[in-house]
Amino acid sequence: MDKSQQLKTIGGTVIVLFIIFQIFISISDLNQDTPGIAACEFTKAYFKADKSMEDRICSSRLMVNGVNMVEKYIQEKTVEANSKGFSLWYTKDKIYDMKIEKDDSDKSTALKVTVKTKPPLKSFFTKEELEEEQATLTLIKEDGKWKVCGDLFDLPEA
């Protein structure tokens, strides 16, 4: 094999290794947990009144005086919908825009979340406009996972 063939082989090997390395880096990034991911997952589950938000709430905020705050929130939303003759789906909001930014006024891990929402079924009939809601979510690392504490939009207190 002459030198040009060797260089082509080495060059091809380097390119293949580089591609494999990039794929490995991309996959490892997908498995990373960050405060932003936690805030986004919590916010989506909150506006859908989805029980999965429990996974992203810190234990001190989830269980207050023996009451599961997520179950209480979903129960309140269900009662609200039932009083209007609808199921829980009626009170769920669809997120049309979400912005998450670092809150520099707080030295801890705090993210300012701004969402634009509207309930899809109700707004279809009433022609409601998007409603903007904002919260500053404080995040802590608990059991190796980022979790939301503090102000949780209007999740009920005990």
N, C-alpha and C. Protein backbone atom coordinates (compact mmCIF):
# COMPACT_ATOMS: atom_id res chain seq x y z
N MET A 1 0.84 -1.18 0.00
CA MET A 1 0.00 0.00 0.00
C MET A 1 0.88 1.25 0.00
N ASP A 2 0.62 2.16 -0.90
CA ASP A 2 1.43 3.37 -0.92
C ASP A 2 0.90 4.41 0.08
N LYS A 3 1.66 5.48 0.22
CA LYS A 3 1.35 6.48 1.24
C LYS A 3 -0.01 7.14 1.03
N SER A 4 -0.45 7.40 -0.16
CA SER A 4 -1.75 8.06 -0.40
C SER A 4 -2.89 7.14 0.03
N GLN A 5 -2.75 5.85 -0.20
CA GLN A 5 -3.76 4.90 0.24
C GLN A 5 -3.82 4.84 1.77
N GLN A 6 -2.66 4.87 2.40
CA GLN A 6 -2.60 4.86 3.87
C GLN A 6 -3.27 6.10 4.44
N LEU A 7 -3.00 7.25 3.85
CA LEU A 7 -3.60 8.51 4.32
C LEU A 7 -5.12 8.49 4.15
N LYS A 8 -5.59 7.94 3.04
CA LYS A 8 -7.03 7.84 2.82
C LYS A 8 -7.67 6.92 3.85
N THR A 9 -7.02 5.82 4.14
CA THR A 9 -7.54 4.87 5.14
C THR A 9 -7.57 5.51 6.52
N ILE A 10 -6.49 6.16 6.89
CA ILE A 10 -6.43 6.84 8.19
C ILE A 10 -7.48 7.95 8.25
N GLY A 11 -7.60 8.72 7.19
CA GLY A 11 -8.59 9.81 7.14
C GLY A 11 -10.02 9.27 7.27
N GLY A 12 -10.30 8.18 6.58
CA GLY A 12 -11.63 7.56 6.67
C GLY A 12 -11.91 7.04 8.06
N THR A 13 -10.91 6.43 8.69
CA THR A 13 -11.06 5.93 10.06
C THR A 13 -11.33 7.07 11.02
N VAL A 14 -10.61 8.16 10.88
CA VAL A 14 -10.79 9.32 11.75
C VAL A 14 -12.21 9.88 11.59
N ILE A 15 -12.69 9.97 10.38
CA ILE A 15 -14.04 10.49 10.14
C ILE A 15 -15.09 9.58 10.76
N VAL A 16 -14.95 8.28 10.59
CA VAL A 16 -15.90 7.32 11.17
C VAL A 16 -15.88 7.42 12.69
N LEU A 17 -14.70 7.48 13.30
CA LEU A 17 -14.59 7.62 14.76
C LEU A 17 -15.21 8.94 15.24
N PHE A 18 -15.00 10.00 14.47
CA PHE A 18 -15.58 11.30 14.83
C PHE A 18 -17.11 11.22 14.81
N ILE A 19 -17.68 10.59 13.81
CA ILE A 19 -19.14 10.45 13.71
C ILE A 19 -19.67 9.62 14.88
N ILE A 20 -19.00 8.51 15.20
CA ILE A 20 -19.42 7.67 16.33
C ILE A 20 -19.34 8.46 17.63
N PHE A 21 -18.27 9.23 17.79
CA PHE A 21 -18.11 10.06 18.99
C PHE A 21 -19.23 11.09 19.11
N GLN A 22 -19.61 11.73 18.02
CA GLN A 22 -20.70 12.71 18.02
C GLN A 22 -22.03 12.07 18.40
N ILE A 23 -22.29 10.88 17.88
CA ILE A 23 -23.52 10.17 18.22
C ILE A 23 -23.53 9.84 19.71
N PHE A 24 -22.41 9.38 20.24
CA PHE A 24 -22.30 9.07 21.66
C PHE A 24 -22.56 10.31 22.51
N ILE A 25 -21.99 11.44 22.15
CA ILE A 25 -22.20 12.70 22.89
C ILE A 25 -23.66 13.11 22.84
N SER A 26 -24.30 13.01 21.69
CA SER A 26 -25.71 13.38 21.55
C SER A 26 -26.61 12.51 22.42
N ILE A 27 -26.35 11.23 22.45
CA ILE A 27 -27.16 10.32 23.27
C ILE A 27 -26.97 10.62 24.74
N SER A 28 -25.75 10.91 25.17
CA SER A 28 -25.53 11.20 26.58
C SER A 28 -26.19 12.52 26.99
N ASP A 29 -26.27 13.49 26.08
CA ASP A 29 -26.98 14.74 26.37
C ASP A 29 -28.46 14.52 26.57
N LEU A 30 -29.06 13.56 25.87
CA LEU A 30 -30.48 13.29 26.00
C LEU A 30 -30.82 12.75 27.38
N ASN A 31 -29.89 12.08 28.02
CA ASN A 31 -30.13 11.49 29.32
C ASN A 31 -29.84 12.44 30.47
N GLN A 32 -29.38 13.64 30.18
CA GLN A 32 -29.04 14.59 31.22
C GLN A 32 -30.30 15.26 31.76
N ASP A 33 -30.31 15.45 33.07
CA ASP A 33 -31.42 16.15 33.72
C ASP A 33 -30.94 17.55 34.09
N THR A 34 -31.69 18.56 33.73
CA THR A 34 -31.32 19.95 34.03
C THR A 34 -32.50 20.66 34.68
N PRO A 35 -32.25 21.79 35.34
CA PRO A 35 -33.36 22.56 35.91
C PRO A 35 -34.37 22.99 34.84
N GLY A 36 -33.89 23.33 33.65
CA GLY A 36 -34.79 23.74 32.57
C GLY A 36 -35.72 22.63 32.12
N ILE A 37 -35.18 21.41 32.01
CA ILE A 37 -35.99 20.26 31.63
C ILE A 37 -37.04 20.01 32.70
N ALA A 38 -36.62 20.08 33.97
CA ALA A 38 -37.56 19.85 35.08
C ALA A 38 -38.67 20.88 35.08
N ALA A 39 -38.32 22.16 34.88
CA ALA A 39 -39.33 23.22 34.85
C ALA A 39 -40.30 23.03 33.69
N CYS A 40 -39.78 22.65 32.54
CA CYS A 40 -40.61 22.42 31.35
C CYS A 40 -41.55 21.25 31.56
N GLU A 41 -41.04 20.13 32.05
CA GLU A 41 -41.88 18.95 32.27
C GLU A 41 -42.96 19.23 33.31
N PHE A 42 -42.59 19.92 34.39
CA PHE A 42 -43.58 20.25 35.42
C PHE A 42 -44.67 21.14 34.84
N THR A 43 -44.28 22.18 34.11
CA THR A 43 -45.23 23.15 33.57
C THR A 43 -46.21 22.47 32.60
N LYS A 44 -45.71 21.63 31.72
CA LYS A 44 -46.58 20.92 30.78
C LYS A 44 -47.59 20.05 31.52
N ALA A 45 -47.10 19.29 32.51
CA ALA A 45 -47.99 18.41 33.27
C ALA A 45 -48.99 19.21 34.09
N TYR A 46 -48.56 20.35 34.62
CA TYR A 46 -49.45 21.19 35.44
C TYR A 46 -50.64 21.68 34.62
N PHE A 47 -50.38 22.22 33.45
CA PHE A 47 -51.48 22.78 32.65
C PHE A 47 -52.35 21.70 32.01
N LYS A 48 -51.86 20.48 31.94
CA LYS A 48 -52.68 19.37 31.46
C LYS A 48 -53.37 18.66 32.62
N ALA A 49 -53.13 19.14 33.85
CA ALA A 49 -53.67 18.50 35.07
C ALA A 49 -53.30 17.02 35.06
N ASP A 50 -52.03 16.76 34.78
CA ASP A 50 -51.52 15.41 34.65
C ASP A 50 -50.77 15.01 35.93
N LYS A 51 -51.08 13.85 36.43
CA LYS A 51 -50.49 13.35 37.66
C LYS A 51 -48.97 13.18 37.56
N SER A 52 -48.44 13.14 36.35
CA SER A 52 -47.00 12.96 36.17
C SER A 52 -46.19 14.12 36.75
N MET A 53 -46.85 15.24 37.07
CA MET A 53 -46.12 16.37 37.67
C MET A 53 -45.54 16.00 39.03
N GLU A 54 -46.08 14.94 39.66
CA GLU A 54 -45.55 14.48 40.94
C GLU A 54 -44.07 14.18 40.86
N ASP A 55 -43.62 13.67 39.70
CA ASP A 55 -42.21 13.31 39.53
C ASP A 55 -41.28 14.52 39.59
N ARG A 56 -41.82 15.71 39.39
CA ARG A 56 -40.99 16.91 39.33
C ARG A 56 -41.23 17.89 40.49
N ILE A 57 -41.97 17.47 41.50
CA ILE A 57 -42.21 18.33 42.66
C ILE A 57 -41.40 17.80 43.84
N CYS A 58 -40.74 18.70 44.56
CA CYS A 58 -39.96 18.27 45.72
C CYS A 58 -40.89 17.69 46.79
N SER A 59 -40.34 16.76 47.56
CA SER A 59 -41.16 16.02 48.53
C SER A 59 -41.82 16.93 49.57
N SER A 60 -41.14 18.02 49.97
CA SER A 60 -41.73 18.91 50.98
C SER A 60 -42.94 19.67 50.44
N ARG A 61 -43.04 19.82 49.12
CA ARG A 61 -44.16 20.54 48.50
C ARG A 61 -45.23 19.58 48.01
N LEU A 62 -44.85 18.32 47.75
CA LEU A 62 -45.80 17.33 47.26
C LEU A 62 -46.74 16.85 48.36
N MET A 63 -46.18 16.46 49.47
CA MET A 63 -46.99 15.99 50.59
C MET A 63 -46.97 17.04 51.70
N VAL A 64 -48.11 17.66 51.95
CA VAL A 64 -48.21 18.68 52.99
C VAL A 64 -49.30 18.23 53.96
N ASN A 65 -48.92 18.04 55.22
CA ASN A 65 -49.84 17.56 56.26
C ASN A 65 -50.56 16.27 55.84
N GLY A 66 -49.82 15.39 55.19
CA GLY A 66 -50.38 14.10 54.78
C GLY A 66 -51.28 14.17 53.56
N VAL A 67 -51.35 15.32 52.91
CA VAL A 67 -52.20 15.49 51.73
C VAL A 67 -51.31 15.62 50.50
N ASN A 68 -51.61 14.83 49.47
CA ASN A 68 -50.89 14.92 48.21
C ASN A 68 -51.46 16.12 47.44
N MET A 69 -50.62 17.14 47.25
CA MET A 69 -51.07 18.39 46.63
C MET A 69 -51.45 18.22 45.16
N VAL A 70 -50.82 17.30 44.46
CA VAL A 70 -51.17 17.05 43.06
C VAL A 70 -52.56 16.44 42.98
N GLU A 71 -52.83 15.44 43.82
CA GLU A 71 -54.17 14.83 43.83
C GLU A 71 -55.23 15.86 44.21
N LYS A 72 -54.89 16.72 45.17
CA LYS A 72 -55.83 17.77 45.59
C LYS A 72 -56.10 18.74 44.43
N TYR A 73 -55.06 19.12 43.72
CA TYR A 73 -55.18 20.03 42.57
C TYR A 73 -56.07 19.41 41.48
N ILE A 74 -55.80 18.15 41.14
CA ILE A 74 -56.58 17.47 40.10
C ILE A 74 -58.03 17.31 40.55
N GLN A 75 -58.23 17.02 41.82
CA GLN A 75 -59.60 16.89 42.35
C GLN A 75 -60.33 18.23 42.25
N GLU A 76 -59.66 19.33 42.60
CA GLU A 76 -60.29 20.66 42.50
C GLU A 76 -60.64 20.99 41.05
N LYS A 77 -59.74 20.68 40.12
CA LYS A 77 -60.02 20.93 38.70
C LYS A 77 -61.19 20.07 38.21
N THR A 78 -61.26 18.83 38.69
CA THR A 78 -62.36 17.94 38.30
C THR A 78 -63.69 18.47 38.83
N VAL A 79 -63.71 18.92 40.08
CA VAL A 79 -64.93 19.48 40.67
C VAL A 79 -65.35 20.73 39.89
N GLU A 80 -64.38 21.57 39.54
CA GLU A 80 -64.68 22.78 38.76
C GLU A 80 -65.32 22.43 37.43
N ALA A 81 -64.75 21.44 36.74
CA ALA A 81 -65.30 21.03 35.44
C ALA A 81 -66.67 20.39 35.60
N ASN A 82 -66.81 19.51 36.60
CA ASN A 82 -68.09 18.84 36.83
C ASN A 82 -69.19 19.84 37.16
N SER A 83 -68.86 20.90 37.88
CA SER A 83 -69.87 21.91 38.23
C SER A 83 -70.42 22.62 36.99
N LYS A 84 -69.64 22.56 35.90
CA LYS A 84 -70.07 23.17 34.65
C LYS A 84 -70.63 22.12 33.69
N GLY A 85 -70.68 20.87 34.16
CA GLY A 85 -71.24 19.80 33.35
C GLY A 85 -70.26 19.15 32.41
N PHE A 86 -68.97 19.28 32.68
CA PHE A 86 -67.95 18.72 31.81
C PHE A 86 -67.03 17.79 32.58
N SER A 87 -66.15 17.12 31.85
CA SER A 87 -65.13 16.28 32.49
C SER A 87 -63.88 17.13 32.74
N LEU A 88 -62.89 16.52 33.34
CA LEU A 88 -61.63 17.23 33.63
C LEU A 88 -61.01 17.81 32.37
N TRP A 89 -61.21 17.17 31.24
CA TRP A 89 -60.62 17.64 29.99
C TRP A 89 -60.98 19.10 29.70
N TYR A 90 -62.17 19.52 30.13
CA TYR A 90 -62.65 20.88 29.88
C TYR A 90 -61.73 21.92 30.52
N THR A 91 -61.14 21.60 31.66
CA THR A 91 -60.32 22.58 32.37
C THR A 91 -58.84 22.51 31.99
N LYS A 92 -58.45 21.54 31.20
CA LYS A 92 -57.05 21.44 30.80
C LYS A 92 -56.72 22.54 29.81
N ASP A 93 -55.52 23.08 29.96
CA ASP A 93 -55.07 24.14 29.07
C ASP A 93 -54.00 23.63 28.12
N LYS A 94 -54.02 24.15 26.91
CA LYS A 94 -52.98 23.83 25.94
C LYS A 94 -51.97 24.96 25.98
N ILE A 95 -50.70 24.61 26.02
CA ILE A 95 -49.63 25.61 26.02
C ILE A 95 -49.28 25.96 24.58
N TYR A 96 -49.34 27.26 24.28
CA TYR A 96 -49.01 27.72 22.93
C TYR A 96 -47.63 28.36 22.86
N ASP A 97 -47.12 28.78 24.01
CA ASP A 97 -45.80 29.41 24.04
C ASP A 97 -45.25 29.28 25.45
N MET A 98 -44.01 28.87 25.57
CA MET A 98 -43.38 28.76 26.89
C MET A 98 -41.98 29.36 26.81
N LYS A 99 -41.68 30.24 27.75
CA LYS A 99 -40.34 30.83 27.84
C LYS A 99 -39.81 30.54 29.23
N ILE A 100 -38.58 30.05 29.28
CA ILE A 100 -37.94 29.78 30.56
C ILE A 100 -36.64 30.57 30.58
N GLU A 101 -36.48 31.41 31.60
CA GLU A 101 -35.26 32.21 31.72
C GLU A 101 -34.75 32.14 33.15
N LYS A 102 -33.47 32.34 33.29
CA LYS A 102 -32.85 32.37 34.62
C LYS A 102 -33.31 33.62 35.33
N ASP A 103 -33.72 33.48 36.59
CA ASP A 103 -34.13 34.62 37.40
C ASP A 103 -32.90 35.10 38.16
N ASP A 104 -32.31 36.22 37.71
CA ASP A 104 -31.08 36.73 38.31
C ASP A 104 -31.29 37.40 39.66
N SER A 105 -32.54 37.70 40.02
CA SER A 105 -32.80 38.34 41.31
C SER A 105 -32.65 37.35 42.45
N ASP A 106 -32.63 36.06 42.13
CA ASP A 106 -32.53 35.01 43.14
C ASP A 106 -31.20 34.29 42.93
N LYS A 107 -30.45 34.13 44.00
CA LYS A 107 -29.13 33.48 43.89
C LYS A 107 -29.23 31.96 43.80
N SER A 108 -30.37 31.38 44.16
CA SER A 108 -30.53 29.93 44.05
C SER A 108 -30.86 29.57 42.60
N THR A 109 -31.17 28.32 42.38
CA THR A 109 -31.56 27.89 41.04
C THR A 109 -33.03 28.23 40.85
N ALA A 110 -33.28 29.40 40.31
CA ALA A 110 -34.65 29.84 40.08
C ALA A 110 -34.82 30.17 38.60
N LEU A 111 -35.92 29.70 38.05
CA LEU A 111 -36.22 29.95 36.64
C LEU A 111 -37.57 30.64 36.54
N LYS A 112 -37.61 31.67 35.73
CA LYS A 112 -38.85 32.40 35.48
C LYS A 112 -39.53 31.75 34.28
N VAL A 113 -40.73 31.22 34.51
CA VAL A 113 -41.46 30.52 33.45
C VAL A 113 -42.66 31.36 33.05
N THR A 114 -42.76 31.66 31.78
CA THR A 114 -43.89 32.40 31.24
C THR A 114 -44.55 31.53 30.18
N VAL A 115 -45.85 31.31 30.34
CA VAL A 115 -46.57 30.48 29.37
C VAL A 115 -47.79 31.22 28.86
N LYS A 116 -48.13 30.93 27.63
CA LYS A 116 -49.38 31.42 27.04
C LYS A 116 -50.25 30.20 26.82
N THR A 117 -51.43 30.22 27.43
CA THR A 117 -52.30 29.05 27.37
C THR A 117 -53.73 29.45 27.02
N LYS A 118 -54.49 28.44 26.64
CA LYS A 118 -55.94 28.57 26.56
C LYS A 118 -56.52 27.17 26.50
N PRO A 119 -57.71 27.02 27.06
CA PRO A 119 -58.34 25.70 27.00
C PRO A 119 -58.89 25.46 25.60
N PRO A 120 -58.49 24.38 24.94
CA PRO A 120 -58.87 24.18 23.55
C PRO A 120 -60.38 24.09 23.30
N LEU A 121 -61.10 23.32 24.11
CA LEU A 121 -62.54 23.15 23.87
C LEU A 121 -63.30 24.43 24.20
N LYS A 122 -63.05 24.95 25.39
CA LYS A 122 -63.78 26.13 25.83
C LYS A 122 -63.49 27.32 24.91
N SER A 123 -62.23 27.51 24.54
CA SER A 123 -61.89 28.66 23.70
C SER A 123 -62.44 28.53 22.29
N PHE A 124 -62.68 27.31 21.82
CA PHE A 124 -63.28 27.12 20.51
C PHE A 124 -64.67 27.75 20.47
N PHE A 125 -65.45 27.55 21.55
CA PHE A 125 -66.81 28.08 21.59
C PHE A 125 -66.88 29.53 22.03
N THR A 126 -65.98 29.93 22.93
CA THR A 126 -66.05 31.29 23.48
C THR A 126 -65.12 32.27 22.79
N LYS A 127 -64.25 31.77 21.93
CA LYS A 127 -63.26 32.60 21.21
C LYS A 127 -62.33 33.34 22.17
N GLU A 128 -62.01 32.68 23.30
CA GLU A 128 -61.09 33.27 24.27
C GLU A 128 -59.72 33.47 23.65
N GLU A 129 -59.03 34.51 24.11
CA GLU A 129 -57.67 34.78 23.67
C GLU A 129 -56.70 33.99 24.55
N LEU A 130 -55.44 33.97 24.13
CA LEU A 130 -54.40 33.34 24.94
C LEU A 130 -54.27 34.09 26.27
N GLU A 131 -54.04 33.33 27.32
CA GLU A 131 -53.85 33.91 28.64
C GLU A 131 -52.41 33.68 29.05
N GLU A 132 -51.76 34.74 29.53
CA GLU A 132 -50.36 34.60 29.94
C GLU A 132 -50.28 34.40 31.45
N GLU A 133 -49.51 33.41 31.85
CA GLU A 133 -49.28 33.15 33.26
C GLU A 133 -47.79 33.09 33.47
N GLN A 134 -47.38 33.48 34.69
CA GLN A 134 -45.97 33.55 34.99
C GLN A 134 -45.72 33.04 36.40
N ALA A 135 -44.61 32.35 36.59
CA ALA A 135 -44.21 31.89 37.92
C ALA A 135 -42.69 31.80 37.94
N THR A 136 -42.14 32.02 39.10
CA THR A 136 -40.72 31.79 39.30
C THR A 136 -40.59 30.48 40.06
N LEU A 137 -40.04 29.49 39.40
CA LEU A 137 -39.92 28.17 39.97
C LEU A 137 -38.52 28.00 40.57
N THR A 138 -38.46 27.65 41.83
CA THR A 138 -37.19 27.36 42.48
C THR A 138 -36.96 25.86 42.35
N LEU A 139 -35.79 25.50 41.89
CA LEU A 139 -35.48 24.08 41.66
C LEU A 139 -34.37 23.62 42.58
N ILE A 140 -34.52 22.40 43.08
CA ILE A 140 -33.50 21.79 43.93
C ILE A 140 -33.21 20.40 43.37
N LYS A 141 -32.06 19.89 43.70
CA LYS A 141 -31.74 18.52 43.30
C LYS A 141 -32.08 17.62 44.47
N GLU A 142 -33.00 16.70 44.24
CA GLU A 142 -33.48 15.80 45.27
C GLU A 142 -33.44 14.38 44.73
N ASP A 143 -32.78 13.50 45.43
CA ASP A 143 -32.62 12.10 45.00
C ASP A 143 -32.02 12.01 43.59
N GLY A 144 -31.08 12.90 43.29
CA GLY A 144 -30.40 12.88 42.00
C GLY A 144 -31.20 13.43 40.84
N LYS A 145 -32.34 14.06 41.10
CA LYS A 145 -33.21 14.57 40.04
C LYS A 145 -33.63 16.00 40.39
N TRP A 146 -33.68 16.87 39.38
CA TRP A 146 -34.12 18.25 39.61
C TRP A 146 -35.62 18.27 39.87
N LYS A 147 -36.01 18.98 40.93
CA LYS A 147 -37.42 19.05 41.31
C LYS A 147 -37.80 20.50 41.60
N VAL A 148 -39.07 20.81 41.39
CA VAL A 148 -39.59 22.16 41.57
C VAL A 148 -40.12 22.32 42.99
N CYS A 149 -39.78 23.45 43.60
CA CYS A 149 -40.28 23.78 44.94
C CYS A 149 -40.78 25.23 44.90
N GLY A 150 -41.37 25.67 46.00
CA GLY A 150 -41.80 27.07 46.08
C GLY A 150 -43.08 27.33 45.33
N ASP A 151 -43.11 28.46 44.61
CA ASP A 151 -44.28 28.90 43.86
C ASP A 151 -44.53 27.94 42.70
N LEU A 152 -45.67 27.26 42.72
CA LEU A 152 -45.99 26.30 41.67
C LEU A 152 -47.27 26.74 40.94
N PHE A 153 -47.21 27.90 40.31
CA PHE A 153 -48.38 28.51 39.71
C PHE A 153 -49.45 28.60 40.79
N ASP A 154 -50.61 28.00 40.65
CA ASP A 154 -51.59 28.08 41.74
C ASP A 154 -51.93 26.71 42.30
N LEU A 155 -50.90 25.83 42.37
CA LEU A 155 -51.10 24.54 43.03
C LEU A 155 -51.51 24.80 44.47
N PRO A 156 -52.53 24.14 44.96
CA PRO A 156 -53.06 24.49 46.28
C PRO A 156 -52.07 24.26 47.42
N GLU A 157 -52.22 25.07 48.45
CA GLU A 157 -51.47 24.89 49.69
C GLU A 157 -52.32 23.95 50.55
N ALA A 158 -51.73 23.45 51.63
CA ALA A 158 -52.47 22.53 52.51
C ALA A 158 -53.62 23.21 53.18
